[in-house]
Protein backbone atom coordinates (compact mmCIF):
# COMPACT_ATOMS: atom_id res chain seq x y z
CA UNK A 1 -23.64 -1.43 24.92
CA UNK A 2 -20.89 -1.19 22.21
CA UNK A 3 -17.58 -0.01 23.72
CA UNK A 4 -15.70 2.89 22.07
CA UNK A 5 -12.73 0.59 21.45
CA UNK A 6 -15.01 -1.83 19.46
CA UNK A 7 -16.13 1.14 17.27
CA UNK A 8 -12.53 1.68 16.23
CA UNK A 9 -12.68 -1.07 13.63
CA UNK A 10 -15.79 0.47 12.03
CA UNK A 11 -14.33 3.97 12.14
CA UNK A 12 -11.14 2.62 10.48
CA UNK A 13 -13.38 1.26 7.72
CA UNK A 14 -14.94 4.60 7.15
CA UNK A 15 -11.69 6.53 7.19
CA UNK A 16 -10.24 4.05 4.62
CA UNK A 17 -13.19 4.12 2.37
CA UNK A 18 -13.09 8.03 2.21
CA UNK A 19 -9.41 8.24 1.65
CA UNK A 20 -9.38 5.47 -0.96
CA UNK A 21 -12.33 6.95 -2.95
CA UNK A 22 -9.84 8.42 -5.34
CA UNK A 23 -11.89 9.61 -8.16
CA UNK A 24 -8.68 10.79 -10.07
CA UNK A 25 -6.90 7.45 -10.27
CA UNK A 26 -8.19 5.97 -13.62
CA UNK A 27 -7.12 9.24 -15.40
CA UNK A 28 -4.26 10.39 -13.34
CA UNK A 29 -1.64 9.77 -16.00
CA UNK A 30 -3.68 11.63 -18.56
CA UNK A 31 -4.02 14.49 -15.99
CA UNK A 32 -0.21 14.70 -15.63
CA UNK A 33 0.24 14.64 -19.40
CA UNK A 34 -2.45 17.35 -19.90
CA UNK A 35 -0.32 19.53 -17.51
CA UNK A 36 2.84 18.95 -19.67
CA UNK A 37 4.55 16.02 -17.84
CA UNK A 38 6.30 13.28 -19.68
CA UNK A 39 6.08 9.61 -18.53
CA UNK A 40 9.59 9.98 -17.16
CA UNK A 41 8.36 12.85 -15.03
CA UNK A 42 5.30 10.78 -14.01
CA UNK A 43 7.61 8.04 -12.75
CA UNK A 44 9.89 10.46 -11.06
CA UNK A 45 6.84 11.83 -9.10
CA UNK A 46 6.11 8.35 -7.82
CA UNK A 47 9.79 7.93 -6.83
CA UNK A 48 9.58 11.15 -4.95
CA UNK A 49 6.48 9.98 -3.16
CA UNK A 50 8.30 6.65 -2.30
CA UNK A 51 11.48 8.35 -1.11
CA UNK A 52 9.45 10.59 1.18
CA UNK A 53 7.79 7.51 2.55
CA UNK A 54 11.33 5.85 2.95
CA UNK A 55 12.68 8.82 4.93
CA UNK A 56 9.65 9.24 7.08
CA UNK A 57 7.92 5.94 7.40
CA UNK A 58 9.81 4.52 10.42
CA UNK A 59 10.16 7.87 12.36
CA UNK A 60 6.43 8.55 11.91
CA UNK A 61 5.60 4.96 12.85
CA UNK A 62 7.73 5.48 15.90
CA UNK A 63 5.74 8.63 16.57
CA UNK A 64 2.63 6.53 16.71
CA UNK A 65 4.24 4.13 19.14
CA UNK A 66 5.33 7.04 21.37
CA UNK A 67 2.53 9.71 21.00
CA UNK A 68 -0.39 7.36 20.12
CA UNK A 69 -2.05 5.81 17.25
CA UNK A 70 -4.97 8.32 17.07
CA UNK A 71 -2.79 11.53 16.76
CA UNK A 72 -0.75 9.76 13.97
CA UNK A 73 -3.84 8.90 12.07
CA UNK A 74 -5.29 12.39 12.44
CA UNK A 75 -2.03 14.01 11.24
CA UNK A 76 -1.88 11.61 8.45
CA UNK A 77 -5.40 12.52 7.30
CA UNK A 78 -4.53 16.16 7.39
CA UNK A 79 -1.50 15.75 5.19
CA UNK A 80 -3.46 13.52 2.68
CA UNK A 81 -6.01 16.40 2.46
CA UNK A 82 -3.20 18.88 1.82
CA UNK A 83 -1.96 16.60 -0.98
CA UNK A 84 -5.26 16.50 -2.67
CA UNK A 85 -5.71 20.30 -2.50
CA UNK A 86 -2.18 20.74 -3.81
CA UNK A 87 -3.08 18.34 -6.78
CA UNK A 88 -6.21 20.43 -7.60
CA UNK A 89 -4.15 23.64 -7.70
CA UNK A 90 -1.05 22.40 -9.44
CA UNK A 91 -0.05 22.84 -13.06
CA UNK A 92 3.74 22.03 -13.19
CA UNK A 93 6.07 19.26 -12.23
CA UNK A 94 7.49 21.34 -9.25
CA UNK A 95 3.94 21.93 -7.82
CA UNK A 96 3.15 18.22 -8.27
CA UNK A 97 6.29 17.40 -6.25
CA UNK A 98 4.84 19.36 -3.27
CA UNK A 99 1.60 17.35 -3.48
CA UNK A 100 3.58 14.05 -3.53
CA UNK A 101 5.63 15.09 -0.47
CA UNK A 102 2.34 15.80 1.34
CA UNK A 103 0.96 12.46 0.35
CA UNK A 104 4.11 10.68 1.46
CA UNK A 105 3.99 12.30 4.84
CA UNK A 106 0.35 11.43 5.24
CA UNK A 107 0.76 7.84 4.32
CA UNK A 108 3.79 7.68 6.63
CA UNK A 109 1.77 8.92 9.55
CA UNK A 110 -1.18 6.66 8.90
CA UNK A 111 -0.09 3.30 7.43
CA UNK A 112 1.61 1.63 10.47
CA UNK A 113 -0.63 3.49 12.98
CA UNK A 114 -3.87 2.15 11.52
CA UNK A 115 -2.83 -1.46 11.53
CA UNK A 116 -1.37 -1.04 14.97
CA UNK A 117 -4.48 0.64 16.26
CA UNK A 118 -6.58 -2.22 14.94
CA UNK A 119 -4.39 -4.89 16.40
CA UNK A 120 -4.15 -3.21 19.81
CA UNK A 121 -7.84 -2.53 19.95
CA UNK A 122 -8.45 -6.25 19.32
CA UNK A 123 -6.01 -7.08 22.14
CA UNK A 124 -8.04 -4.92 24.53
CA UNK A 125 -11.13 -6.64 23.33
CA UNK A 126 -9.41 -10.08 23.58
CA UNK A 127 -10.08 -10.76 19.93
CA UNK A 128 -6.57 -10.48 18.48
CA UNK A 129 -7.04 -13.85 16.66
CA UNK A 130 -9.48 -12.04 14.41
CA UNK A 131 -6.74 -9.68 13.16
CA UNK A 132 -5.95 -11.27 9.90
CA UNK A 133 -9.71 -11.46 8.86
CA UNK A 134 -10.29 -7.85 10.00
CA UNK A 135 -7.06 -6.47 8.29
CA UNK A 136 -8.21 -8.17 5.18
CA UNK A 137 -11.51 -6.51 5.44
CA UNK A 138 -9.82 -3.16 6.06
CA UNK A 139 -7.77 -3.51 2.97
CA UNK A 140 -10.74 -4.71 1.00
CA UNK A 141 -12.65 -1.56 1.92
CA UNK A 142 -9.90 0.44 0.34
CA UNK A 143 -10.00 -1.69 -2.76
CA UNK A 144 -13.72 -1.56 -3.24
CA UNK A 145 -13.87 2.22 -2.43
CA UNK A 146 -11.04 2.85 -5.10
CA UNK A 147 -13.01 0.54 -7.51
CA UNK A 148 -16.19 2.44 -7.03
CA UNK A 149 -14.39 5.70 -7.38
CA UNK A 150 -12.84 4.67 -10.59
CA UNK A 151 -16.22 4.13 -12.36
CA UNK A 152 -17.64 7.48 -11.06
CA UNK A 153 -14.32 9.23 -11.56
CA UNK A 154 -14.26 8.19 -15.13
CA UNK A 155 -17.56 9.96 -15.74
CA UNK A 156 -16.55 13.05 -13.74
CA UNK A 157 -13.38 13.37 -15.82
CA UNK A 158 -15.57 14.03 -18.86
CA UNK A 159 -16.09 17.45 -17.32
CA UNK A 160 -12.29 18.07 -16.95
CA UNK A 161 -9.40 15.87 -15.78
CA UNK A 162 -9.02 18.22 -12.74
CA UNK A 163 -12.57 17.94 -11.56
CA UNK A 164 -12.20 14.56 -9.73
CA UNK A 165 -9.89 16.26 -7.35
CA UNK A 166 -12.37 18.88 -6.46
CA UNK A 167 -14.93 16.22 -5.74
CA UNK A 168 -12.52 14.40 -3.43
CA UNK A 169 -11.63 17.26 -1.14
CA UNK A 170 -14.86 17.16 1.09
CA UNK A 171 -14.39 13.49 1.39
CA UNK A 172 -10.90 13.88 3.03
CA UNK A 173 -12.29 16.58 5.29
CA UNK A 174 -14.92 14.09 6.64
CA UNK A 175 -12.18 11.54 7.16
CA UNK A 176 -10.36 13.89 9.40
CA UNK A 177 -13.51 14.41 11.42
CA UNK A 178 -13.96 10.75 11.91
CA UNK A 179 -10.24 10.31 12.87
CA UNK A 180 -10.84 12.60 15.86
CA UNK A 181 -13.61 10.22 17.16
CA UNK A 182 -11.14 7.21 17.46
CA UNK A 183 -10.46 5.90 20.91
CA UNK A 184 -6.74 5.29 21.81
CA UNK A 185 -6.43 1.72 22.92
CA UNK A 186 -4.34 0.65 25.98
CA UNK A 187 -0.93 -0.49 24.77
CA UNK A 188 1.12 -3.18 26.59
CA UNK A 189 4.28 -1.41 27.45
CA UNK A 190 7.79 -2.77 27.38
CA UNK A 191 9.48 -2.95 30.87
CA UNK A 192 11.16 0.44 30.27
CA UNK A 193 7.98 2.31 29.39
CA UNK A 194 7.60 4.91 26.76
CA UNK A 195 10.79 7.01 26.49
CA UNK A 196 10.96 9.22 23.52
CA UNK A 197 14.59 8.97 22.71
CA UNK A 198 16.68 8.18 19.64
CA UNK A 199 17.90 5.01 21.04
CA UNK A 200 14.34 3.63 21.18
CA UNK A 201 13.92 4.08 17.49
CA UNK A 202 17.39 2.49 17.01
CA UNK A 203 16.23 -0.25 19.24
CA UNK A 204 13.19 -0.89 17.15
CA UNK A 205 15.45 -1.25 14.04
CA UNK A 206 17.71 -3.59 16.01
CA UNK A 207 14.63 -5.63 17.21
CA UNK A 208 13.41 -6.06 13.49
CA UNK A 209 16.73 -6.76 11.97
CA UNK A 210 18.04 -9.00 14.63
CA UNK A 211 15.03 -11.25 15.10
CA UNK A 212 15.74 -13.91 12.59
CA UNK A 213 12.28 -14.86 11.40
CA UNK A 214 10.95 -11.42 11.64
CA UNK A 215 13.56 -9.68 9.45
CA UNK A 216 13.05 -12.20 6.59
CA UNK A 217 9.26 -11.83 6.73
CA UNK A 218 9.68 -8.12 6.70
CA UNK A 219 11.97 -8.32 3.63
CA UNK A 220 9.76 -10.84 1.85
CA UNK A 221 6.61 -8.81 2.37
CA UNK A 222 8.46 -5.76 1.01
CA UNK A 223 9.60 -7.61 -2.10
CA UNK A 224 6.19 -8.76 -2.83
CA UNK A 225 4.65 -5.30 -2.15
CA UNK A 226 7.19 -3.67 -4.40
CA UNK A 227 6.58 -6.15 -7.25
CA UNK A 228 2.82 -5.19 -7.24
CA UNK A 229 3.36 -1.52 -6.74
CA UNK A 230 5.75 -1.34 -9.79
CA UNK A 231 3.25 -3.25 -11.80
CA UNK A 232 0.36 -0.80 -11.02
CA UNK A 233 2.21 2.02 -12.78
CA UNK A 234 2.66 -0.07 -15.93
CA UNK A 235 -0.97 -0.94 -16.20
CA UNK A 236 -2.19 2.15 -18.14
CA UNK A 237 0.60 2.15 -20.70
CA UNK A 238 0.08 -1.58 -21.12
CA UNK A 239 -3.58 -1.14 -21.73
CA UNK A 240 -2.76 1.62 -24.32
CA UNK A 241 -0.32 -0.72 -26.19
CA UNK A 242 -2.84 -3.58 -26.03
CA UNK A 243 -5.38 -1.31 -27.78
CA UNK A 244 -7.98 -1.06 -24.95
CA UNK A 245 -10.44 1.79 -25.70
CA UNK A 246 -9.84 4.79 -23.34
CA UNK A 247 -13.49 4.67 -22.30
CA UNK A 248 -12.93 1.35 -20.72
CA UNK A 249 -9.89 2.18 -18.62
CA UNK A 250 -12.01 3.30 -15.56
CA UNK A 251 -13.94 0.02 -15.71
CA UNK A 252 -10.82 -2.15 -15.87
CA UNK A 253 -9.21 -0.17 -13.04
CA UNK A 254 -12.33 -0.67 -10.88
CA UNK A 255 -12.57 -4.40 -11.61
CA UNK A 256 -8.90 -4.80 -10.48
CA UNK A 257 -9.61 -2.94 -7.24
CA UNK A 258 -12.80 -5.05 -6.54
CA UNK A 259 -10.79 -8.16 -7.30
CA UNK A 260 -8.10 -7.31 -4.76
CA UNK A 261 -10.67 -6.40 -2.23
CA UNK A 262 -12.41 -9.67 -2.49
CA UNK A 263 -9.29 -11.62 -1.94
CA UNK A 264 -8.28 -9.38 0.86
CA UNK A 265 -11.50 -10.52 2.61
CA UNK A 266 -10.86 -14.13 1.69
CA UNK A 267 -7.08 -13.99 2.76
CA UNK A 268 -7.37 -15.66 6.18
CA UNK A 269 -9.42 -18.44 4.59
CA UNK A 270 -7.02 -19.05 1.75
CA UNK A 271 -4.03 -18.92 4.12
CA UNK A 272 -5.66 -21.59 6.25
CA UNK A 273 -6.34 -23.82 3.25
CA UNK A 274 -2.87 -23.44 1.69
CA UNK A 275 -0.80 -23.15 4.88
CA UNK A 276 2.26 -20.90 5.52
CA UNK A 277 4.65 -22.58 3.16
CA UNK A 278 2.39 -22.79 0.05
CA UNK A 279 0.99 -19.27 0.43
CA UNK A 280 4.57 -17.77 0.74
CA UNK A 281 5.59 -19.69 -2.41
CA UNK A 282 2.40 -18.85 -4.31
CA UNK A 283 2.91 -15.03 -3.86
CA UNK A 284 6.43 -14.91 -5.49
CA UNK A 285 5.69 -17.30 -8.25
CA UNK A 286 2.42 -15.76 -9.27
CA UNK A 287 4.12 -12.33 -9.42
CA UNK A 288 6.92 -13.71 -11.58
CA UNK A 289 4.38 -15.54 -13.92
CA UNK A 290 2.46 -12.23 -14.46
CA UNK A 291 5.62 -10.22 -15.43
CA UNK A 292 6.71 -13.00 -17.76
CA UNK A 293 3.41 -13.57 -19.51
CA UNK A 294 2.70 -9.82 -20.00
CA UNK A 295 6.12 -9.50 -21.38
CA UNK A 296 5.59 -12.18 -23.92
CA UNK A 297 2.08 -11.17 -24.86
CA UNK A 298 0.78 -7.59 -25.35
CA UNK A 299 -2.75 -8.04 -26.69
CA UNK A 300 -6.18 -7.53 -25.44
CA UNK A 301 -6.91 -11.26 -24.92
CA UNK A 302 -4.27 -11.42 -22.09
CA UNK A 303 -5.65 -8.39 -20.21
CA UNK A 304 -7.36 -10.89 -17.73
CA UNK A 305 -3.79 -11.68 -16.51
CA UNK A 306 -3.68 -8.16 -14.95
CA UNK A 307 -5.92 -9.65 -12.22
CA UNK A 308 -3.22 -12.10 -11.03
CA UNK A 309 -0.98 -9.37 -9.21
CA UNK A 310 -4.11 -7.89 -7.77
CA UNK A 311 -4.89 -11.21 -6.21
CA UNK A 312 -1.34 -11.11 -4.71
CA UNK A 313 -1.96 -7.59 -3.51
CA UNK A 314 -5.07 -8.74 -1.84
CA UNK A 315 -3.39 -11.62 -0.07
CA UNK A 316 0.04 -10.18 0.89
CA UNK A 317 -1.14 -7.39 3.19
CA UNK A 318 -3.31 -9.29 5.62
CA UNK A 319 -1.37 -12.56 5.61
CA UNK A 320 2.15 -11.15 5.92
CA UNK A 321 1.09 -8.51 8.55
CA UNK A 322 -0.45 -11.12 10.61
CA UNK A 323 2.67 -13.22 10.54
CA UNK A 324 4.73 -10.15 11.52
CA UNK A 325 2.32 -9.02 14.15
CA UNK A 326 2.35 -12.38 15.87
CA UNK A 327 6.05 -12.14 16.70
CA UNK A 328 6.24 -8.32 17.38
CA UNK A 329 5.84 -6.71 20.75
CA UNK A 330 2.98 -4.21 21.02
CA UNK A 331 5.12 -1.28 22.00
CA UNK A 332 7.09 -1.63 18.68
CA UNK A 333 4.24 -2.87 16.33
CA UNK A 334 3.65 0.37 14.48
CA UNK A 335 7.41 0.93 14.10
CA UNK A 336 7.96 -2.53 12.74
CA UNK A 337 5.03 -2.29 10.43
CA UNK A 338 6.42 0.97 9.18
CA UNK A 339 9.78 -0.60 8.63
CA UNK A 340 8.01 -3.08 6.23
CA UNK A 341 6.37 -0.25 4.36
CA UNK A 342 9.60 1.70 4.23
CA UNK A 343 11.45 -1.13 2.70
CA UNK A 344 8.56 -1.64 0.12
CA UNK A 345 8.89 2.08 -0.89
CA UNK A 346 12.59 1.90 -1.05
CA UNK A 347 12.52 -1.06 -3.41
CA UNK A 348 9.91 0.73 -5.49
CA UNK A 349 11.83 4.00 -5.52
CA UNK A 350 14.87 2.15 -6.99
CA UNK A 351 13.34 -0.38 -9.35
CA UNK A 352 10.38 1.70 -10.51
CA UNK A 353 12.52 4.35 -12.23
CA UNK A 354 14.97 1.73 -13.42
CA UNK A 355 12.23 -0.41 -15.07
CA UNK A 356 10.74 2.80 -16.52
CA UNK A 357 14.11 3.66 -17.98
CA UNK A 358 14.27 0.19 -19.57
CA UNK A 359 10.74 0.63 -20.92
CA UNK A 360 11.71 4.04 -22.50
CA UNK A 361 15.16 2.96 -23.71
CA UNK A 362 14.12 -0.43 -25.12
CA UNK A 363 10.61 -1.95 -24.92
CA UNK A 364 7.85 -2.57 -22.27
CA UNK A 365 8.51 -6.35 -22.93
CA UNK A 366 12.16 -5.87 -21.73
CA UNK A 367 10.90 -3.94 -18.66
CA UNK A 368 8.57 -6.76 -17.75
CA UNK A 369 11.16 -9.51 -18.26
CA UNK A 370 13.68 -7.58 -15.99
CA UNK A 371 11.17 -6.88 -13.31
CA UNK A 372 9.90 -10.50 -13.29
CA UNK A 373 13.51 -11.99 -12.79
CA UNK A 374 14.55 -9.37 -10.25
CA UNK A 375 11.60 -10.12 -7.97
CA UNK A 376 11.71 -13.83 -8.62
CA UNK A 377 15.32 -14.13 -7.53
CA UNK A 378 14.94 -11.72 -4.54
CA UNK A 379 11.78 -13.49 -3.33
CA UNK A 380 13.30 -17.06 -3.56
CA UNK A 381 16.46 -16.00 -1.93
CA UNK A 382 14.61 -14.47 1.01
CA UNK A 383 12.30 -17.59 1.29
CA UNK A 384 15.44 -19.81 1.41
CA UNK A 385 16.88 -17.69 4.25
CA UNK A 386 13.40 -17.89 6.00
CA UNK A 387 13.36 -21.65 5.65
CA UNK A 388 16.84 -21.76 7.25
CA UNK A 389 15.46 -20.09 10.24
CA UNK A 390 12.53 -22.48 10.38
CA UNK A 391 10.25 -19.65 9.42
CA UNK A 392 7.90 -21.95 7.47
């Protein structure tokens, strides 16, 4: 008989597939522009989403450690539904700000809690060694779901650019229903037990920032995550400059998601083949190479280079989360993972608008060059500190 805890993995797959079935993604910039937003405002919205995540990521991750992973995932799903509904009803920048705040809260609740629930469920089942493989699958489910949605969403958008949001609403309702069926795993407590006090949250920060290898892994994961997140928002304007027909945008977007999803599944195998040192070096130098090459060449024949950062996106999540989980206590796991996400969003909120300003003020080529060298220097510097602590 299959235990309720073992079903958590499958249910997380279902929740992720529903919430990542974002029919609106391949045309979201066009949707913003149709409602009178400039590209500067589009980037500002993403910064607002990121800042919301920065402010709430760790407290909401701490909520998951204190109140439970299941309640956090349920609340996250509710706020994500509120965000989709707000998008479908919004027509101005201020209204879209509300939608981004809802989304930021939703992601803040769910991101660390889902990974922590997965890992703690595996501990209960005595299968924690399978975490990297299953985390990769969990991420790949999202990528494949978004990829499939991109193809379908592009067709729905022919009705109207607002229509994809309407079609997504019932899927998010179903995700909430599935979240209610999750089973809270038993969590290995720290000696002091669960005490909901500010000092516990402060203690989690201190734990993350004063554990030598852990703090540099968190920082490095955040740098790589931010480099690929910034890149995502440059894809559509890059394709436009390169001359890709608008009808093919959804297909390209879908292909990128499938590519990232495939390598999320293969992440554990790739990590075993390359080893810790090589995989960490590969991530930062591939990110830099992509920024550099796309800055040098802006024609259709280099569009395949867009797949490189999606390889990095596919590998970074399962590999770095596994490294972090191995040296993090269970009672603080969701909080520590949320710190990682928080730093990623903080870097994005600072560098995204800055690189967008460079793009508007100068050229996209300048923005790519600046971004590439910033992420290269930050990544190499962090790896040097990690090596000093015998982190690889």
